Amino acid sequence: MYPVPTEEASFFPLTKCEVDFDRQKNRVTLLPSFYAFGCEYTGRGLLLERDDAFRLIAAIEKALSVGN
């Protein structure tokens, strides 16, 4: 991988996030995809307790609606 110039953003934009709910374990898996270096990549995913996942999703929705 090549070194990223300091002028470029230090983050990669999230393009989508799949959500899978396991009712038996009461856990949620979030599988994010992001755009970097001209390609879309899928992250390894986050396994969260149900309540923690809903708090995270609410925080993301709030952050996305700040400018609206």
PDB file of N, CA and C in Angstrom:
ATOM      1  N   MET A   1       0.846  -1.165   0.000  1.00  0.00           N
ATOM      2  CA  MET A   1       0.000   0.000   0.000  1.00  0.00           C
ATOM      3  C   MET A   1       0.897   1.235   0.000  1.00  0.00           C
ATOM      4  N   TYR A   2       0.466   2.270  -0.674  1.00  0.00           N
ATOM      5  CA  TYR A   2       1.273   3.479  -0.761  1.00  0.00           C
ATOM      6  C   TYR A   2       0.965   4.426   0.406  1.00  0.00           C
ATOM      7  N   PRO A   3       1.899   5.316   0.762  1.00  0.00           N
ATOM      8  CA  PRO A   3       1.643   6.257   1.857  1.00  0.00           C
ATOM      9  C   PRO A   3       0.575   7.275   1.462  1.00  0.00           C
ATOM     10  N   VAL A   4      -0.336   7.562   2.368  1.00  0.00           N
ATOM     11  CA  VAL A   4      -1.421   8.508   2.113  1.00  0.00           C
ATOM     12  C   VAL A   4      -0.917   9.918   2.402  1.00  0.00           C
ATOM     13  N   PRO A   5      -1.050  10.842   1.439  1.00  0.00           N
ATOM     14  CA  PRO A   5      -0.628  12.225   1.687  1.00  0.00           C
ATOM     15  C   PRO A   5      -1.422  12.837   2.840  1.00  0.00           C
ATOM     16  N   THR A   6      -0.789  13.746   3.571  1.00  0.00           N
ATOM     17  CA  THR A   6      -1.443  14.341   4.737  1.00  0.00           C
ATOM     18  C   THR A   6      -2.629  15.215   4.363  1.00  0.00           C
ATOM     19  N   GLU A   7      -2.711  15.689   3.116  1.00  0.00           N
ATOM     20  CA  GLU A   7      -3.843  16.519   2.695  1.00  0.00           C
ATOM     21  C   GLU A   7      -5.130  15.709   2.554  1.00  0.00           C
ATOM     22  N   GLU A   8      -5.017  14.410   2.366  1.00  0.00           N
ATOM     23  CA  GLU A   8      -6.195  13.579   2.160  1.00  0.00           C
ATOM     24  C   GLU A   8      -6.880  13.268   3.481  1.00  0.00           C
ATOM     25  N   ALA A   9      -8.150  12.916   3.387  1.00  0.00           N
ATOM     26  CA  ALA A   9      -8.931  12.588   4.583  1.00  0.00           C
ATOM     27  C   ALA A   9      -8.325  11.390   5.310  1.00  0.00           C
ATOM     28  N   SER A  10      -8.417  11.414   6.618  1.00  0.00           N
ATOM     29  CA  SER A  10      -7.872  10.308   7.417  1.00  0.00           C
ATOM     30  C   SER A  10      -8.941   9.271   7.753  1.00  0.00           C
ATOM     31  N   PHE A  11     -10.033   9.279   7.024  1.00  0.00           N
ATOM     32  CA  PHE A  11     -11.094   8.304   7.228  1.00  0.00           C
ATOM     33  C   PHE A  11     -11.613   7.848   5.872  1.00  0.00           C
ATOM     34  N   PHE A  12     -12.358   6.761   5.875  1.00  0.00           N
ATOM     35  CA  PHE A  12     -12.947   6.248   4.650  1.00  0.00           C
ATOM     36  C   PHE A  12     -14.461   6.267   4.800  1.00  0.00           C
ATOM     37  N   PRO A  13     -15.193   6.802   3.827  1.00  0.00           N
ATOM     38  CA  PRO A  13     -16.641   6.934   3.962  1.00  0.00           C
ATOM     39  C   PRO A  13     -17.356   5.578   3.985  1.00  0.00           C
ATOM     40  N   LEU A  14     -18.277   5.467   4.908  1.00  0.00           N
ATOM     41  CA  LEU A  14     -19.121   4.281   5.024  1.00  0.00           C
ATOM     42  C   LEU A  14     -20.121   4.298   3.878  1.00  0.00           C
ATOM     43  N   THR A  15     -20.212   3.213   3.125  1.00  0.00           N
ATOM     44  CA  THR A  15     -21.138   3.160   1.996  1.00  0.00           C
ATOM     45  C   THR A  15     -22.424   2.422   2.337  1.00  0.00           C
ATOM     46  N   LYS A  16     -22.328   1.451   3.242  1.00  0.00           N
ATOM     47  CA  LYS A  16     -23.521   0.733   3.699  1.00  0.00           C
ATOM     48  C   LYS A  16     -23.155  -0.056   4.946  1.00  0.00           C
ATOM     49  N   CYS A  17     -24.173  -0.506   5.649  1.00  0.00           N
ATOM     50  CA  CYS A  17     -23.938  -1.320   6.840  1.00  0.00           C
ATOM     51  C   CYS A  17     -25.074  -2.335   6.941  1.00  0.00           C
ATOM     52  N   GLU A  18     -24.752  -3.595   6.730  1.00  0.00           N
ATOM     53  CA  GLU A  18     -25.748  -4.652   6.856  1.00  0.00           C
ATOM     54  C   GLU A  18     -25.920  -4.998   8.331  1.00  0.00           C
ATOM     55  N   VAL A  19     -27.153  -5.322   8.707  1.00  0.00           N
ATOM     56  CA  VAL A  19     -27.469  -5.643  10.099  1.00  0.00           C
ATOM     57  C   VAL A  19     -28.076  -7.038  10.145  1.00  0.00           C
ATOM     58  N   ASP A  20     -27.529  -7.885  11.008  1.00  0.00           N
ATOM     59  CA  ASP A  20     -28.046  -9.244  11.188  1.00  0.00           C
ATOM     60  C   ASP A  20     -28.359  -9.440  12.668  1.00  0.00           C
ATOM     61  N   PHE A  21     -29.608  -9.790  12.976  1.00  0.00           N
ATOM     62  CA  PHE A  21     -30.028  -9.958  14.364  1.00  0.00           C
ATOM     63  C   PHE A  21     -30.170 -11.441  14.683  1.00  0.00           C
ATOM     64  N   ASP A  22     -29.447 -11.910  15.695  1.00  0.00           N
ATOM     65  CA  ASP A  22     -29.520 -13.298  16.158  1.00  0.00           C
ATOM     66  C   ASP A  22     -30.432 -13.331  17.382  1.00  0.00           C
ATOM     67  N   ARG A  23     -31.664 -13.759  17.196  1.00  0.00           N
ATOM     68  CA  ARG A  23     -32.651 -13.751  18.285  1.00  0.00           C
ATOM     69  C   ARG A  23     -32.282 -14.715  19.405  1.00  0.00           C
ATOM     70  N   GLN A  24     -31.661 -15.834  19.080  1.00  0.00           N
ATOM     71  CA  GLN A  24     -31.301 -16.810  20.111  1.00  0.00           C
ATOM     72  C   GLN A  24     -30.246 -16.264  21.070  1.00  0.00           C
ATOM     73  N   LYS A  25     -29.269 -15.555  20.543  1.00  0.00           N
ATOM     74  CA  LYS A  25     -28.189 -15.011  21.377  1.00  0.00           C
ATOM     75  C   LYS A  25     -28.445 -13.567  21.799  1.00  0.00           C
ATOM     76  N   ASN A  26     -29.522 -12.956  21.259  1.00  0.00           N
ATOM     77  CA  ASN A  26     -29.872 -11.564  21.538  1.00  0.00           C
ATOM     78  C   ASN A  26     -28.700 -10.629  21.216  1.00  0.00           C
ATOM     79  N   ARG A  27     -28.081 -10.882  20.058  1.00  0.00           N
ATOM     80  CA  ARG A  27     -26.937 -10.085  19.607  1.00  0.00           C
ATOM     81  C   ARG A  27     -27.172  -9.611  18.176  1.00  0.00           C
ATOM     82  N   VAL A  28     -26.490  -8.537  17.847  1.00  0.00           N
ATOM     83  CA  VAL A  28     -26.591  -7.944  16.522  1.00  0.00           C
ATOM     84  C   VAL A  28     -25.192  -7.896  15.906  1.00  0.00           C
ATOM     85  N   THR A  29     -25.100  -8.283  14.637  1.00  0.00           N
ATOM     86  CA  THR A  29     -23.848  -8.156  13.901  1.00  0.00           C
ATOM     87  C   THR A  29     -24.014  -7.037  12.885  1.00  0.00           C
ATOM     88  N   LEU A  30     -23.110  -6.066  12.924  1.00  0.00           N
ATOM     89  CA  LEU A  30     -23.088  -4.980  11.953  1.00  0.00           C
ATOM     90  C   LEU A  30     -21.927  -5.239  11.003  1.00  0.00           C
ATOM     91  N   LEU A  31     -22.214  -5.283   9.708  1.00  0.00           N
ATOM     92  CA  LEU A  31     -21.185  -5.542   8.693  1.00  0.00           C
ATOM     93  C   LEU A  31     -21.017  -4.295   7.821  1.00  0.00           C
ATOM     94  N   PRO A  32     -20.072  -3.424   8.177  1.00  0.00           N
ATOM     95  CA  PRO A  32     -19.899  -2.179   7.422  1.00  0.00           C
ATOM     96  C   PRO A  32     -19.118  -2.387   6.127  1.00  0.00           C
ATOM     97  N   SER A  33     -19.452  -1.583   5.134  1.00  0.00           N
ATOM     98  CA  SER A  33     -18.686  -1.503   3.891  1.00  0.00           C
ATOM     99  C   SER A  33     -18.226  -0.058   3.754  1.00  0.00           C
ATOM    100  N   PHE A  34     -17.050   0.127   3.211  1.00  0.00           N
ATOM    101  CA  PHE A  34     -16.524   1.481   3.063  1.00  0.00           C
ATOM    102  C   PHE A  34     -15.763   1.604   1.752  1.00  0.00           C
ATOM    103  N   TYR A  35     -15.596   2.839   1.310  1.00  0.00           N
ATOM    104  CA  TYR A  35     -14.940   3.134   0.050  1.00  0.00           C
ATOM    105  C   TYR A  35     -13.536   3.665   0.329  1.00  0.00           C
ATOM    106  N   ALA A  36     -12.532   3.023  -0.237  1.00  0.00           N
ATOM    107  CA  ALA A  36     -11.150   3.463  -0.042  1.00  0.00           C
ATOM    108  C   ALA A  36     -10.314   3.103  -1.263  1.00  0.00           C
ATOM    109  N   PHE A  37      -9.472   4.025  -1.664  1.00  0.00           N
ATOM    110  CA  PHE A  37      -8.522   3.792  -2.756  1.00  0.00           C
ATOM    111  C   PHE A  37      -9.209   3.293  -4.028  1.00  0.00           C
ATOM    112  N   GLY A  38     -10.393   3.829  -4.308  1.00  0.00           N
ATOM    113  CA  GLY A  38     -11.101   3.504  -5.535  1.00  0.00           C
ATOM    114  C   GLY A  38     -11.887   2.209  -5.518  1.00  0.00           C
ATOM    115  N   CYS A  39     -11.993   1.544  -4.365  1.00  0.00           N
ATOM    116  CA  CYS A  39     -12.723   0.277  -4.272  1.00  0.00           C
ATOM    117  C   CYS A  39     -13.605   0.260  -3.028  1.00  0.00           C
ATOM    118  N   GLU A  40     -14.596  -0.611  -3.054  1.00  0.00           N
ATOM    119  CA  GLU A  40     -15.429  -0.800  -1.869  1.00  0.00           C
ATOM    120  C   GLU A  40     -14.940  -2.038  -1.114  1.00  0.00           C
ATOM    121  N   TYR A  41     -14.773  -1.902   0.185  1.00  0.00           N
ATOM    122  CA  TYR A  41     -14.306  -2.982   1.046  1.00  0.00           C
ATOM    123  C   TYR A  41     -15.356  -3.280   2.106  1.00  0.00           C
ATOM    124  N   THR A  42     -15.385  -4.517   2.567  1.00  0.00           N
ATOM    125  CA  THR A  42     -16.277  -4.908   3.651  1.00  0.00           C
ATOM    126  C   THR A  42     -15.447  -5.131   4.900  1.00  0.00           C
ATOM    127  N   GLY A  43     -15.908  -4.540   6.003  1.00  0.00           N
ATOM    128  CA  GLY A  43     -15.207  -4.706   7.272  1.00  0.00           C
ATOM    129  C   GLY A  43     -15.469  -6.086   7.858  1.00  0.00           C
ATOM    130  N   ARG A  44     -14.769  -6.400   8.931  1.00  0.00           N
ATOM    131  CA  ARG A  44     -14.911  -7.706   9.581  1.00  0.00           C
ATOM    132  C   ARG A  44     -16.217  -7.813  10.344  1.00  0.00           C
ATOM    133  N   GLY A  45     -16.798  -6.703  10.687  1.00  0.00           N
ATOM    134  CA  GLY A  45     -18.069  -6.715  11.391  1.00  0.00           C
ATOM    135  C   GLY A  45     -17.909  -6.482  12.880  1.00  0.00           C
ATOM    136  N   LEU A  46     -18.997  -6.086  13.492  1.00  0.00           N
ATOM    137  CA  LEU A  46     -19.049  -5.835  14.927  1.00  0.00           C
ATOM    138  C   LEU A  46     -20.152  -6.695  15.518  1.00  0.00           C
ATOM    139  N   LEU A  47     -19.831  -7.478  16.526  1.00  0.00           N
ATOM    140  CA  LEU A  47     -20.825  -8.283  17.227  1.00  0.00           C
ATOM    141  C   LEU A  47     -21.137  -7.562  18.532  1.00  0.00           C
ATOM    142  N   LEU A  48     -22.372  -7.109  18.675  1.00  0.00           N
ATOM    143  CA  LEU A  48     -22.763  -6.302  19.824  1.00  0.00           C
ATOM    144  C   LEU A  48     -23.995  -6.871  20.502  1.00  0.00           C
ATOM    145  N   GLU A  49     -24.110  -6.590  21.798  1.00  0.00           N
ATOM    146  CA  GLU A  49     -25.357  -6.880  22.500  1.00  0.00           C
ATOM    147  C   GLU A  49     -26.448  -6.046  21.841  1.00  0.00           C
ATOM    148  N   ARG A  50     -27.668  -6.525  21.878  1.00  0.00           N
ATOM    149  CA  ARG A  50     -28.788  -5.862  21.211  1.00  0.00           C
ATOM    150  C   ARG A  50     -28.911  -4.393  21.610  1.00  0.00           C
ATOM    151  N   ASP A  51     -28.928  -4.091  22.903  1.00  0.00           N
ATOM    152  CA  ASP A  51     -29.106  -2.712  23.365  1.00  0.00           C
ATOM    153  C   ASP A  51     -27.944  -1.815  22.941  1.00  0.00           C
ATOM    154  N   ASP A  52     -26.723  -2.342  22.997  1.00  0.00           N
ATOM    155  CA  ASP A  52     -25.556  -1.567  22.561  1.00  0.00           C
ATOM    156  C   ASP A  52     -25.635  -1.262  21.069  1.00  0.00           C
ATOM    157  N   ALA A  53     -26.085  -2.228  20.287  1.00  0.00           N
ATOM    158  CA  ALA A  53     -26.207  -2.029  18.841  1.00  0.00           C
ATOM    159  C   ALA A  53     -27.234  -0.949  18.529  1.00  0.00           C
ATOM    160  N   PHE A  54     -28.369  -0.968  19.222  1.00  0.00           N
ATOM    161  CA  PHE A  54     -29.391   0.052  18.975  1.00  0.00           C
ATOM    162  C   PHE A  54     -28.892   1.438  19.370  1.00  0.00           C
ATOM    163  N   ARG A  55     -28.109   1.537  20.450  1.00  0.00           N
ATOM    164  CA  ARG A  55     -27.534   2.835  20.839  1.00  0.00           C
ATOM    165  C   ARG A  55     -26.543   3.320  19.778  1.00  0.00           C
ATOM    166  N   LEU A  56     -25.733   2.410  19.249  1.00  0.00           N
ATOM    167  CA  LEU A  56     -24.775   2.782  18.211  1.00  0.00           C
ATOM    168  C   LEU A  56     -25.496   3.227  16.941  1.00  0.00           C
ATOM    169  N   ILE A  57     -26.511   2.485  16.528  1.00  0.00           N
ATOM    170  CA  ILE A  57     -27.277   2.845  15.327  1.00  0.00           C
ATOM    171  C   ILE A  57     -27.935   4.212  15.514  1.00  0.00           C
ATOM    172  N   ALA A  58     -28.505   4.474  16.695  1.00  0.00           N
ATOM    173  CA  ALA A  58     -29.130   5.774  16.976  1.00  0.00           C
ATOM    174  C   ALA A  58     -28.098   6.898  16.917  1.00  0.00           C
ATOM    175  N   ALA A  59     -26.897   6.653  17.432  1.00  0.00           N
ATOM    176  CA  ALA A  59     -25.841   7.670  17.394  1.00  0.00           C
ATOM    177  C   ALA A  59     -25.412   7.963  15.954  1.00  0.00           C
ATOM    178  N   ILE A  60     -25.332   6.926  15.128  1.00  0.00           N
ATOM    179  CA  ILE A  60     -24.973   7.117  13.716  1.00  0.00           C
ATOM    180  C   ILE A  60     -26.059   7.911  13.008  1.00  0.00           C
ATOM    181  N   GLU A  61     -27.325   7.555  13.240  1.00  0.00           N
ATOM    182  CA  GLU A  61     -28.434   8.289  12.619  1.00  0.00           C
ATOM    183  C   GLU A  61     -28.414   9.754  13.044  1.00  0.00           C
ATOM    184  N   LYS A  62     -28.155  10.011  14.315  1.00  0.00           N
ATOM    185  CA  LYS A  62     -28.093  11.388  14.811  1.00  0.00           C
ATOM    186  C   LYS A  62     -26.948  12.146  14.144  1.00  0.00           C
ATOM    187  N   ALA A  63     -25.793  11.513  14.028  1.00  0.00           N
ATOM    188  CA  ALA A  63     -24.642  12.160  13.397  1.00  0.00           C
ATOM    189  C   ALA A  63     -24.918  12.476  11.929  1.00  0.00           C
ATOM    190  N   LEU A  64     -25.625  11.596  11.249  1.00  0.00           N
ATOM    191  CA  LEU A  64     -25.931  11.818   9.835  1.00  0.00           C
ATOM    192  C   LEU A  64     -26.968  12.910   9.626  1.00  0.00           C
ATOM    193  N   SER A  65     -27.795  13.183  10.631  1.00  0.00           N
ATOM    194  CA  SER A  65     -28.861  14.175  10.484  1.00  0.00           C
ATOM    195  C   SER A  65     -28.468  15.548  11.020  1.00  0.00           C
ATOM    196  N   VAL A  66     -27.237  15.743  11.446  1.00  0.00           N
ATOM    197  CA  VAL A  66     -26.805  17.019  12.028  1.00  0.00           C
ATOM    198  C   VAL A  66     -27.002  18.176  11.057  1.00  0.00           C
ATOM    199  N   GLY A  67     -26.664  17.994   9.805  1.00  0.00           N
ATOM    200  CA  GLY A  67     -26.777  19.068   8.818  1.00  0.00           C
ATOM    201  C   GLY A  67     -28.176  19.273   8.273  1.00  0.00           C
ATOM    202  N   ASN A  68     -29.105  18.397   8.594  1.00  0.00           N
ATOM    203  CA  ASN A  68     -30.464  18.484   8.030  1.00  0.00           C
ATOM    204  C   ASN A  68     -31.393  19.259   8.911  1.00  0.00           C
TER     205      ASN A  68
END
